[in-house]
Amino acid sequence: AEYAAQVEELATVNERNRLAREIHDNLGHYLTVVNIQIEAAHTIMDSNPEKAKDALSKAQKLTQDGLASVRRSVSALRESPLAERPLPEAINQLIAENQAAGIVTNMIVQGDTRHLDPKVALTLYRTVQESLTNVRKHAHASQVDIFLDYRNEQMMQIIVQDNGIGAEKTEGGFGLLGLQERVQLLNGTLTIESEPSSGFILTSQIPTPKENTK
């Protein structure tokens, strides 16, 4: 009975951690983009009221989307933002949001796309989402390149590289720690490389055995 209780408690803790990661990934992403739109509106409020109004409208829509996303995370933890879409298609939505923030964002798909285990696909999606959020918040970058590599049948690799200011230290906050936990749970790796004035390079590799790619 004691062992069963410990197992149940551990499962509860794991579920809470997963919920925390899910809410952080979603809410942090939306709040960052909203803040950028509001800052843009303030900047041009006097010189271009129409564009400022448009930026505020976008911020309002993003706030509504973010609230809906958090509600989905709380009420349906298993729901995926991929919604049966191929991974590149889902990432294209993140790219559009990044472009709206004024950052040139490219995706390069290497190899033939294939079906991925839902957990793998969601983790790769979250990796790109959190990376782009960090670029907008910290990197001061004008361009980001996303490399989605399907060429190895036993491994999926994503590289997110920006041309921002970089840093000597690459320790991340809760978002990156959460990503590392996600990736490690799938026996994958996540590394971050950076030097001052050289931008950041985030690389994530996750095994995709054939039985998970049917």
C-alpha atoms as a PDB file:
ATOM      1  CA  ALA A   1       0.000   0.000   0.000  1.00  0.00           C
ATOM      2  CA  GLU A   2       2.841   2.366   0.842  1.00  0.00           C
ATOM      3  CA  TYR A   3       4.546   1.634  -2.482  1.00  0.00           C
ATOM      4  CA  ALA A   4       1.298   2.259  -4.375  1.00  0.00           C
ATOM      5  CA  ALA A   5       0.885   5.579  -2.575  1.00  0.00           C
ATOM      6  CA  GLN A   6       4.434   6.594  -3.507  1.00  0.00           C
ATOM      7  CA  VAL A   7       3.801   5.693  -7.142  1.00  0.00           C
ATOM      8  CA  GLU A   8       0.596   7.711  -7.139  1.00  0.00           C
ATOM      9  CA  GLU A   9       2.346  10.684  -5.522  1.00  0.00           C
ATOM     10  CA  LEU A  10       5.154  10.542  -8.089  1.00  0.00           C
ATOM     11  CA  ALA A  11       2.623  10.429 -10.924  1.00  0.00           C
ATOM     12  CA  THR A  12       0.889  13.484  -9.465  1.00  0.00           C
ATOM     13  CA  VAL A  13       4.175  15.395  -9.216  1.00  0.00           C
ATOM     14  CA  ASN A  14       5.084  14.481 -12.791  1.00  0.00           C
ATOM     15  CA  GLU A  15       1.678  15.614 -14.013  1.00  0.00           C
ATOM     16  CA  ARG A  16       2.010  18.929 -12.168  1.00  0.00           C
ATOM     17  CA  ASN A  17       5.454  19.479 -13.682  1.00  0.00           C
ATOM     18  CA  ARG A  18       4.117  18.709 -17.129  1.00  0.00           C
ATOM     19  CA  LEU A  19       1.246  21.147 -16.610  1.00  0.00           C
ATOM     20  CA  ALA A  20       3.680  23.828 -15.424  1.00  0.00           C
ATOM     21  CA  ARG A  21       5.806  23.359 -18.531  1.00  0.00           C
ATOM     22  CA  GLU A  22       2.761  23.422 -20.803  1.00  0.00           C
ATOM     23  CA  ILE A  23       1.363  26.622 -19.313  1.00  0.00           C
ATOM     24  CA  HIS A  24       4.766  28.335 -19.271  1.00  0.00           C
ATOM     25  CA  ASP A  25       5.486  27.446 -22.889  1.00  0.00           C
ATOM     26  CA  ASN A  26       2.130  28.773 -24.056  1.00  0.00           C
ATOM     27  CA  LEU A  27       1.682  31.790 -21.806  1.00  0.00           C
ATOM     28  CA  GLY A  28       5.281  32.975 -22.079  1.00  0.00           C
ATOM     29  CA  HIS A  29       5.102  32.792 -25.839  1.00  0.00           C
ATOM     30  CA  TYR A  30       1.873  34.787 -26.138  1.00  0.00           C
ATOM     31  CA  LEU A  31       2.794  37.405 -23.539  1.00  0.00           C
ATOM     32  CA  THR A  32       6.085  38.106 -25.300  1.00  0.00           C
ATOM     33  CA  VAL A  33       4.380  38.736 -28.633  1.00  0.00           C
ATOM     34  CA  VAL A  34       1.652  40.841 -26.981  1.00  0.00           C
ATOM     35  CA  ASN A  35       4.271  42.979 -25.274  1.00  0.00           C
ATOM     36  CA  ILE A  36       6.050  43.576 -28.581  1.00  0.00           C
ATOM     37  CA  GLN A  37       2.809  44.719 -30.232  1.00  0.00           C
ATOM     38  CA  ILE A  38       1.986  47.073 -27.339  1.00  0.00           C
ATOM     39  CA  GLU A  39       5.489  48.557 -27.390  1.00  0.00           C
ATOM     40  CA  ALA A  40       5.163  49.119 -31.128  1.00  0.00           C
ATOM     41  CA  ALA A  41       1.823  50.850 -30.617  1.00  0.00           C
ATOM     42  CA  HIS A  42       3.303  53.201 -28.007  1.00  0.00           C
ATOM     43  CA  THR A  43       6.198  54.045 -30.301  1.00  0.00           C
ATOM     44  CA  ILE A  44       4.027  55.105 -33.238  1.00  0.00           C
ATOM     45  CA  MET A  45       0.932  56.321 -31.383  1.00  0.00           C
ATOM     46  CA  ASP A  46       1.492  59.973 -32.309  1.00  0.00           C
ATOM     47  CA  SER A  47       3.111  59.573 -35.725  1.00  0.00           C
ATOM     48  CA  ASN A  48       0.864  56.840 -37.106  1.00  0.00           C
ATOM     49  CA  PRO A  49      -2.353  56.300 -35.107  1.00  0.00           C
ATOM     50  CA  GLU A  50      -3.777  53.821 -37.616  1.00  0.00           C
ATOM     51  CA  LYS A  51      -0.794  51.480 -37.386  1.00  0.00           C
ATOM     52  CA  ALA A  52      -0.818  51.851 -33.619  1.00  0.00           C
ATOM     53  CA  LYS A  53      -4.474  50.865 -33.556  1.00  0.00           C
ATOM     54  CA  ASP A  54      -3.686  47.841 -35.723  1.00  0.00           C
ATOM     55  CA  ALA A  55      -0.890  46.778 -33.356  1.00  0.00           C
ATOM     56  CA  LEU A  56      -3.235  47.042 -30.376  1.00  0.00           C
ATOM     57  CA  SER A  57      -5.852  44.979 -32.211  1.00  0.00           C
ATOM     58  CA  LYS A  58      -3.234  42.286 -32.816  1.00  0.00           C
ATOM     59  CA  ALA A  59      -2.271  42.402 -29.144  1.00  0.00           C
ATOM     60  CA  GLN A  60      -5.899  41.977 -28.123  1.00  0.00           C
ATOM     61  CA  LYS A  61      -6.325  38.987 -30.469  1.00  0.00           C
ATOM     62  CA  LEU A  62      -3.118  37.390 -29.166  1.00  0.00           C
ATOM     63  CA  THR A  63      -4.316  37.887 -25.580  1.00  0.00           C
ATOM     64  CA  GLN A  64      -7.546  36.071 -26.431  1.00  0.00           C
ATOM     65  CA  ASP A  65      -5.622  33.281 -28.157  1.00  0.00           C
ATOM     66  CA  GLY A  66      -3.277  32.966 -25.184  1.00  0.00           C
ATOM     67  CA  LEU A  67      -6.126  32.767 -22.712  1.00  0.00           C
ATOM     68  CA  ALA A  68      -7.824  30.099 -24.800  1.00  0.00           C
ATOM     69  CA  SER A  69      -4.569  28.154 -25.010  1.00  0.00           C
ATOM     70  CA  VAL A  70      -4.056  28.208 -21.238  1.00  0.00           C
ATOM     71  CA  ARG A  71      -7.629  27.044 -20.707  1.00  0.00           C
ATOM     72  CA  ARG A  72      -7.013  24.158 -23.089  1.00  0.00           C
ATOM     73  CA  SER A  73      -3.836  23.245 -21.205  1.00  0.00           C
ATOM     74  CA  VAL A  74      -5.695  23.139 -17.912  1.00  0.00           C
ATOM     75  CA  SER A  75      -8.819  21.346 -19.108  1.00  0.00           C
ATOM     76  CA  ALA A  76      -7.274  19.010 -21.669  1.00  0.00           C
ATOM     77  CA  LEU A  77      -3.648  18.309 -20.866  1.00  0.00           C
ATOM     78  CA  ARG A  78      -3.308  15.816 -23.678  1.00  0.00           C
ATOM     79  CA  GLU A  79      -4.478  18.196 -26.393  1.00  0.00           C
ATOM     80  CA  SER A  80      -1.723  18.991 -28.869  1.00  0.00           C
ATOM     81  CA  PRO A  81      -1.268  22.333 -30.677  1.00  0.00           C
ATOM     82  CA  LEU A  82      -0.336  20.270 -33.704  1.00  0.00           C
ATOM     83  CA  ALA A  83      -3.969  19.164 -34.084  1.00  0.00           C
ATOM     84  CA  GLU A  84      -3.004  16.398 -36.527  1.00  0.00           C
ATOM     85  CA  ARG A  85      -1.068  18.889 -38.664  1.00  0.00           C
ATOM     86  CA  PRO A  86       2.382  18.000 -39.994  1.00  0.00           C
ATOM     87  CA  LEU A  87       5.159  19.490 -37.872  1.00  0.00           C
ATOM     88  CA  PRO A  88       6.415  21.934 -40.569  1.00  0.00           C
ATOM     89  CA  GLU A  89       2.891  23.301 -41.023  1.00  0.00           C
ATOM     90  CA  ALA A  90       2.514  23.913 -37.280  1.00  0.00           C
ATOM     91  CA  ILE A  91       5.930  25.573 -37.119  1.00  0.00           C
ATOM     92  CA  ASN A  92       4.913  27.865 -39.983  1.00  0.00           C
ATOM     93  CA  GLN A  93       2.346  29.437 -37.645  1.00  0.00           C
ATOM     94  CA  LEU A  94       5.103  30.196 -35.129  1.00  0.00           C
ATOM     95  CA  ILE A  95       7.182  31.661 -37.954  1.00  0.00           C
ATOM     96  CA  ALA A  96       4.326  33.964 -38.965  1.00  0.00           C
ATOM     97  CA  GLU A  97       4.086  35.254 -35.390  1.00  0.00           C
ATOM     98  CA  ASN A  98       7.839  35.857 -35.308  1.00  0.00           C
ATOM     99  CA  GLN A  99       7.699  37.671 -38.632  1.00  0.00           C
ATOM    100  CA  ALA A 100       4.947  39.879 -37.222  1.00  0.00           C
ATOM    101  CA  ALA A 101       7.398  40.870 -34.491  1.00  0.00           C
ATOM    102  CA  GLY A 102       9.777  42.134 -37.186  1.00  0.00           C
ATOM    103  CA  ILE A 103      12.262  39.239 -37.224  1.00  0.00           C
ATOM    104  CA  VAL A 104      13.051  37.535 -40.532  1.00  0.00           C
ATOM    105  CA  THR A 105      12.424  33.847 -39.859  1.00  0.00           C
ATOM    106  CA  ASN A 106      13.226  30.984 -42.237  1.00  0.00           C
ATOM    107  CA  MET A 107      12.576  27.255 -42.047  1.00  0.00           C
ATOM    108  CA  ILE A 108      14.753  24.833 -43.981  1.00  0.00           C
ATOM    109  CA  VAL A 109      13.354  21.289 -44.170  1.00  0.00           C
ATOM    110  CA  GLN A 110      16.042  18.703 -44.872  1.00  0.00           C
ATOM    111  CA  GLY A 111      15.004  15.282 -46.145  1.00  0.00           C
ATOM    112  CA  ASP A 112      11.502  13.917 -46.687  1.00  0.00           C
ATOM    113  CA  THR A 113       8.941  14.703 -44.008  1.00  0.00           C
ATOM    114  CA  ARG A 114       7.399  11.735 -42.212  1.00  0.00           C
ATOM    115  CA  HIS A 115       4.923  10.952 -39.483  1.00  0.00           C
ATOM    116  CA  LEU A 116       6.373  11.294 -35.988  1.00  0.00           C
ATOM    117  CA  ASP A 117       5.287   9.935 -32.651  1.00  0.00           C
ATOM    118  CA  PRO A 118       2.982  12.618 -31.163  1.00  0.00           C
ATOM    119  CA  LYS A 119       5.221  13.100 -28.112  1.00  0.00           C
ATOM    120  CA  VAL A 120       8.267  13.614 -30.322  1.00  0.00           C
ATOM    121  CA  ALA A 121       6.441  16.031 -32.616  1.00  0.00           C
ATOM    122  CA  LEU A 122       5.050  18.048 -29.694  1.00  0.00           C
ATOM    123  CA  THR A 123       8.457  18.273 -28.033  1.00  0.00           C
ATOM    124  CA  LEU A 124      10.079  19.487 -31.251  1.00  0.00           C
ATOM    125  CA  TYR A 125       7.281  22.036 -31.682  1.00  0.00           C
ATOM    126  CA  ARG A 126       7.767  23.305 -28.119  1.00  0.00           C
ATOM    127  CA  THR A 127      11.500  23.521 -28.733  1.00  0.00           C
ATOM    128  CA  VAL A 128      10.959  25.860 -31.666  1.00  0.00           C
ATOM    129  CA  GLN A 129       8.285  27.831 -29.800  1.00  0.00           C
ATOM    130  CA  GLU A 130      10.451  28.437 -26.735  1.00  0.00           C
ATOM    131  CA  SER A 131      13.496  29.214 -28.900  1.00  0.00           C
ATOM    132  CA  LEU A 132      11.626  31.888 -30.850  1.00  0.00           C
ATOM    133  CA  THR A 133      10.234  33.344 -27.634  1.00  0.00           C
ATOM    134  CA  ASN A 134      13.760  33.622 -26.217  1.00  0.00           C
ATOM    135  CA  VAL A 135      14.988  35.244 -29.432  1.00  0.00           C
ATOM    136  CA  ARG A 136      12.325  37.932 -29.182  1.00  0.00           C
ATOM    137  CA  LYS A 137      12.990  38.537 -25.483  1.00  0.00           C
ATOM    138  CA  HIS A 138      16.772  38.380 -25.290  1.00  0.00           C
ATOM    139  CA  ALA A 139      18.657  37.944 -28.556  1.00  0.00           C
ATOM    140  CA  HIS A 140      18.178  41.343 -30.260  1.00  0.00           C
ATOM    141  CA  ALA A 141      18.269  39.404 -33.516  1.00  0.00           C
ATOM    142  CA  SER A 142      17.060  40.423 -36.967  1.00  0.00           C
ATOM    143  CA  GLN A 143      17.009  36.889 -38.401  1.00  0.00           C
ATOM    144  CA  VAL A 144      16.380  33.343 -37.223  1.00  0.00           C
ATOM    145  CA  ASP A 145      16.907  30.137 -39.208  1.00  0.00           C
ATOM    146  CA  ILE A 146      15.155  26.896 -38.256  1.00  0.00           C
ATOM    147  CA  PHE A 147      16.597  23.664 -39.648  1.00  0.00           C
ATOM    148  CA  LEU A 148      14.205  20.710 -39.481  1.00  0.00           C
ATOM    149  CA  ASP A 149      16.227  17.597 -40.355  1.00  0.00           C
ATOM    150  CA  TYR A 150      14.430  14.362 -41.312  1.00  0.00           C
ATOM    151  CA  ARG A 151      17.397  12.748 -43.072  1.00  0.00           C
ATOM    152  CA  ASN A 152      18.243  10.270 -40.309  1.00  0.00           C
ATOM    153  CA  GLU A 153      15.433   7.698 -40.006  1.00  0.00           C
ATOM    154  CA  GLN A 154      16.431   6.963 -36.414  1.00  0.00           C
ATOM    155  CA  MET A 155      16.757  10.570 -35.251  1.00  0.00           C
ATOM    156  CA  MET A 156      15.024  13.913 -35.641  1.00  0.00           C
ATOM    157  CA  GLN A 157      17.114  17.046 -35.308  1.00  0.00           C
ATOM    158  CA  ILE A 158      16.098  20.670 -34.999  1.00  0.00           C
ATOM    159  CA  ILE A 159      18.541  23.563 -35.039  1.00  0.00           C
ATOM    160  CA  VAL A 160      17.440  27.124 -34.261  1.00  0.00           C
ATOM    161  CA  GLN A 161      20.087  29.731 -35.011  1.00  0.00           C
ATOM    162  CA  ASP A 162      19.857  33.514 -34.664  1.00  0.00           C
ATOM    163  CA  ASN A 163      22.157  36.402 -35.564  1.00  0.00           C
ATOM    164  CA  GLY A 164      21.709  38.233 -32.261  1.00  0.00           C
ATOM    165  CA  ILE A 165      24.095  39.451 -29.618  1.00  0.00           C
ATOM    166  CA  GLY A 166      24.821  36.044 -28.081  1.00  0.00           C
ATOM    167  CA  ALA A 167      26.164  35.537 -24.565  1.00  0.00           C
ATOM    168  CA  GLU A 168      29.054  33.998 -22.673  1.00  0.00           C
ATOM    169  CA  LYS A 169      26.733  31.914 -20.506  1.00  0.00           C
ATOM    170  CA  THR A 170      23.965  29.768 -21.951  1.00  0.00           C
ATOM    171  CA  GLU A 171      22.112  28.732 -18.801  1.00  0.00           C
ATOM    172  CA  GLY A 172      18.410  29.161 -19.388  1.00  0.00           C
ATOM    173  CA  GLY A 173      15.444  29.956 -17.227  1.00  0.00           C
ATOM    174  CA  PHE A 174      12.476  27.767 -16.475  1.00  0.00           C
ATOM    175  CA  GLY A 175      11.493  27.571 -20.142  1.00  0.00           C
ATOM    176  CA  LEU A 176      14.760  26.056 -21.330  1.00  0.00           C
ATOM    177  CA  LEU A 177      14.976  23.812 -18.273  1.00  0.00           C
ATOM    178  CA  GLY A 178      11.492  22.579 -19.085  1.00  0.00           C
ATOM    179  CA  LEU A 179      12.559  21.903 -22.660  1.00  0.00           C
ATOM    180  CA  GLN A 180      15.551  19.904 -21.491  1.00  0.00           C
ATOM    181  CA  GLU A 181      13.274  17.827 -19.264  1.00  0.00           C
ATOM    182  CA  ARG A 182      10.904  17.174 -22.174  1.00  0.00           C
ATOM    183  CA  VAL A 183      13.726  16.126 -24.480  1.00  0.00           C
ATOM    184  CA  GLN A 184      15.445  13.943 -21.873  1.00  0.00           C
ATOM    185  CA  LEU A 185      12.200  12.093 -21.190  1.00  0.00           C
ATOM    186  CA  LEU A 186      12.369  10.988 -24.848  1.00  0.00           C
ATOM    187  CA  ASN A 187      16.040   9.976 -24.531  1.00  0.00           C
ATOM    188  CA  GLY A 188      17.071  13.009 -26.551  1.00  0.00           C
ATOM    189  CA  THR A 189      19.589  15.795 -26.124  1.00  0.00           C
ATOM    190  CA  LEU A 190      19.351  19.580 -26.166  1.00  0.00           C
ATOM    191  CA  THR A 191      22.401  21.836 -26.364  1.00  0.00           C
ATOM    192  CA  ILE A 192      22.865  25.600 -26.584  1.00  0.00           C
ATOM    193  CA  GLU A 193      25.978  27.226 -28.003  1.00  0.00           C
ATOM    194  CA  SER A 194      26.762  30.933 -27.979  1.00  0.00           C
ATOM    195  CA  GLU A 195      29.486  33.513 -27.920  1.00  0.00           C
ATOM    196  CA  PRO A 196      29.159  37.284 -27.577  1.00  0.00           C
ATOM    197  CA  SER A 197      28.162  38.887 -30.895  1.00  0.00           C
ATOM    198  CA  SER A 198      27.698  35.457 -32.503  1.00  0.00           C
ATOM    199  CA  GLY A 199      24.081  34.674 -31.674  1.00  0.00           C
ATOM    200  CA  PHE A 200      22.662  31.469 -30.228  1.00  0.00           C
ATOM    201  CA  ILE A 201      22.532  27.988 -31.722  1.00  0.00           C
ATOM    202  CA  LEU A 202      20.069  25.587 -30.105  1.00  0.00           C
ATOM    203  CA  THR A 203      20.250  21.954 -31.215  1.00  0.00           C
ATOM    204  CA  SER A 204      17.776  19.265 -30.214  1.00  0.00           C
ATOM    205  CA  GLN A 205      18.036  15.604 -31.231  1.00  0.00           C
ATOM    206  CA  ILE A 206      15.374  13.025 -30.399  1.00  0.00           C
ATOM    207  CA  PRO A 207      15.423   9.333 -31.343  1.00  0.00           C
ATOM    208  CA  THR A 208      12.640   8.239 -33.705  1.00  0.00           C
ATOM    209  CA  PRO A 209      12.702   4.436 -33.910  1.00  0.00           C
ATOM    210  CA  LYS A 210      10.833   3.006 -36.861  1.00  0.00           C
ATOM    211  CA  GLU A 211       7.970   1.758 -34.767  1.00  0.00           C
ATOM    212  CA  ASN A 212       7.251   5.415 -33.840  1.00  0.00           C
ATOM    213  CA  THR A 213       7.220   6.669 -37.420  1.00  0.00           C
ATOM    214  CA  LYS A 214       4.435   4.527 -38.869  1.00  0.00           C
END
